[in-house]
Amino acid sequence: MEDLDSKILFLRQPDPFEQSVRLTCGALLGIVIGGCAWIRYRLSWPAGAAVTVTAIVLCALGARKYGDDFWYGLFEFWAWPWGRK
């Protein structure tokens, strides 16, 4: 029988500085996504603000929690027709 201790992965927890960098970069992406949606769909002030705030919160929290996996997933999503096969 295999040793179960050899199967355990210890994942490194990001330090507070890395978490703040992840949060900031995700928030910046949310600003870009929300602003582009606001302009493209010609949203009114309340709707545009709601979309932008939602995008900021979702991108910031996603980047903070998932880190590089969040960004890789986003890049694969945006490159979907031309992405890896």
C-alpha atoms as a PDB file:
ATOM      1  CA  MET A   1       0.000   0.000   0.000  1.00  0.00           C
ATOM      2  CA  GLU A   2       1.283   3.431  -0.907  1.00  0.00           C
ATOM      3  CA  ASP A   3       2.254   5.912   1.737  1.00  0.00           C
ATOM      4  CA  LEU A   4      -0.508   8.520   1.984  1.00  0.00           C
ATOM      5  CA  ASP A   5       1.923  11.200   3.155  1.00  0.00           C
ATOM      6  CA  SER A   6       3.567  11.170  -0.267  1.00  0.00           C
ATOM      7  CA  LYS A   7       0.238  12.136  -1.873  1.00  0.00           C
ATOM      8  CA  ILE A   8      -0.346  15.280   0.197  1.00  0.00           C
ATOM      9  CA  LEU A   9       0.436  18.551  -1.523  1.00  0.00           C
ATOM     10  CA  PHE A  10       1.293  21.555   0.569  1.00  0.00           C
ATOM     11  CA  LEU A  11       0.226  24.614  -1.365  1.00  0.00           C
ATOM     12  CA  ARG A  12       2.041  27.826  -0.618  1.00  0.00           C
ATOM     13  CA  GLN A  13      -0.177  30.545   0.768  1.00  0.00           C
ATOM     14  CA  PRO A  14       0.513  33.952  -0.779  1.00  0.00           C
ATOM     15  CA  ASP A  15       1.848  36.590   1.564  1.00  0.00           C
ATOM     16  CA  PRO A  16      -0.141  39.815   2.185  1.00  0.00           C
ATOM     17  CA  PHE A  17       1.825  41.781  -0.413  1.00  0.00           C
ATOM     18  CA  GLU A  18       1.113  39.220  -3.135  1.00  0.00           C
ATOM     19  CA  GLN A  19      -2.551  39.170  -2.160  1.00  0.00           C
ATOM     20  CA  SER A  20      -2.746  42.958  -2.478  1.00  0.00           C
ATOM     21  CA  VAL A  21      -1.045  42.824  -5.891  1.00  0.00           C
ATOM     22  CA  ARG A  22      -3.513  40.162  -7.051  1.00  0.00           C
ATOM     23  CA  LEU A  23      -6.437  42.198  -5.733  1.00  0.00           C
ATOM     24  CA  THR A  24      -5.210  45.409  -7.392  1.00  0.00           C
ATOM     25  CA  CYS A  25      -4.537  43.808 -10.769  1.00  0.00           C
ATOM     26  CA  GLY A  26      -7.926  42.098 -10.719  1.00  0.00           C
ATOM     27  CA  ALA A  27      -9.616  45.397  -9.844  1.00  0.00           C
ATOM     28  CA  LEU A  28      -7.853  47.125 -12.733  1.00  0.00           C
ATOM     29  CA  LEU A  29      -9.073  44.420 -15.091  1.00  0.00           C
ATOM     30  CA  GLY A  30     -12.589  44.888 -13.703  1.00  0.00           C
ATOM     31  CA  ILE A  31     -12.387  48.625 -14.404  1.00  0.00           C
ATOM     32  CA  VAL A  32     -11.389  47.911 -18.008  1.00  0.00           C
ATOM     33  CA  ILE A  33     -14.098  45.291 -18.518  1.00  0.00           C
ATOM     34  CA  GLY A  34     -16.789  47.432 -16.877  1.00  0.00           C
ATOM     35  CA  GLY A  35     -15.742  50.548 -18.786  1.00  0.00           C
ATOM     36  CA  CYS A  36     -15.716  48.707 -22.101  1.00  0.00           C
ATOM     37  CA  ALA A  37     -19.162  47.238 -21.420  1.00  0.00           C
ATOM     38  CA  TRP A  38     -20.428  50.688 -20.398  1.00  0.00           C
ATOM     39  CA  ILE A  39     -19.227  52.233 -23.650  1.00  0.00           C
ATOM     40  CA  ARG A  40     -20.079  49.347 -25.971  1.00  0.00           C
ATOM     41  CA  TYR A  41     -23.631  48.871 -24.736  1.00  0.00           C
ATOM     42  CA  ARG A  42     -24.252  52.581 -24.050  1.00  0.00           C
ATOM     43  CA  LEU A  43     -25.502  51.912 -20.565  1.00  0.00           C
ATOM     44  CA  SER A  44     -27.162  54.547 -18.432  1.00  0.00           C
ATOM     45  CA  TRP A  45     -25.315  55.909 -15.399  1.00  0.00           C
ATOM     46  CA  PRO A  46     -26.859  53.521 -12.796  1.00  0.00           C
ATOM     47  CA  ALA A  47     -26.614  50.450 -15.021  1.00  0.00           C
ATOM     48  CA  GLY A  48     -23.066  51.248 -16.113  1.00  0.00           C
ATOM     49  CA  ALA A  49     -21.951  51.881 -12.552  1.00  0.00           C
ATOM     50  CA  ALA A  50     -23.532  48.611 -11.407  1.00  0.00           C
ATOM     51  CA  VAL A  51     -21.865  46.633 -14.205  1.00  0.00           C
ATOM     52  CA  THR A  52     -18.500  48.256 -13.509  1.00  0.00           C
ATOM     53  CA  VAL A  53     -18.643  47.695  -9.748  1.00  0.00           C
ATOM     54  CA  THR A  54     -19.717  44.080 -10.285  1.00  0.00           C
ATOM     55  CA  ALA A  55     -16.860  43.499 -12.737  1.00  0.00           C
ATOM     56  CA  ILE A  56     -14.367  45.080 -10.333  1.00  0.00           C
ATOM     57  CA  VAL A  57     -15.498  42.937  -7.401  1.00  0.00           C
ATOM     58  CA  LEU A  58     -15.627  39.673  -9.381  1.00  0.00           C
ATOM     59  CA  CYS A  59     -12.267  40.177 -11.085  1.00  0.00           C
ATOM     60  CA  ALA A  60     -10.533  41.345  -7.904  1.00  0.00           C
ATOM     61  CA  LEU A  61     -11.809  38.455  -5.806  1.00  0.00           C
ATOM     62  CA  GLY A  62     -11.175  35.918  -8.568  1.00  0.00           C
ATOM     63  CA  ALA A  63      -7.608  37.101  -9.061  1.00  0.00           C
ATOM     64  CA  ARG A  64      -6.975  37.162  -5.304  1.00  0.00           C
ATOM     65  CA  LYS A  65      -8.345  33.674  -4.701  1.00  0.00           C
ATOM     66  CA  TYR A  66      -7.125  31.809  -7.789  1.00  0.00           C
ATOM     67  CA  GLY A  67      -4.007  33.796  -8.701  1.00  0.00           C
ATOM     68  CA  ASP A  68      -2.335  32.599 -11.879  1.00  0.00           C
ATOM     69  CA  ASP A  69      -5.105  30.087 -12.601  1.00  0.00           C
ATOM     70  CA  PHE A  70      -7.545  33.000 -12.874  1.00  0.00           C
ATOM     71  CA  TRP A  71      -5.359  34.732 -15.464  1.00  0.00           C
ATOM     72  CA  TYR A  72      -4.635  31.547 -17.425  1.00  0.00           C
ATOM     73  CA  GLY A  73      -8.341  30.753 -17.541  1.00  0.00           C
ATOM     74  CA  LEU A  74      -9.121  34.262 -18.713  1.00  0.00           C
ATOM     75  CA  PHE A  75      -6.509  34.131 -21.456  1.00  0.00           C
ATOM     76  CA  GLU A  76      -7.781  30.747 -22.636  1.00  0.00           C
ATOM     77  CA  PHE A  77     -11.355  32.063 -22.630  1.00  0.00           C
ATOM     78  CA  TRP A  78     -10.434  35.127 -24.698  1.00  0.00           C
ATOM     79  CA  ALA A  79      -8.336  33.057 -27.113  1.00  0.00           C
ATOM     80  CA  TRP A  80     -11.027  30.393 -27.370  1.00  0.00           C
ATOM     81  CA  PRO A  81     -11.243  29.969 -31.169  1.00  0.00           C
ATOM     82  CA  TRP A  82      -7.459  30.142 -31.519  1.00  0.00           C
ATOM     83  CA  GLY A  83      -6.413  28.672 -28.171  1.00  0.00           C
ATOM     84  CA  ARG A  84      -4.703  25.419 -27.359  1.00  0.00           C
ATOM     85  CA  LYS A  85      -6.201  22.257 -28.741  1.00  0.00           C
END
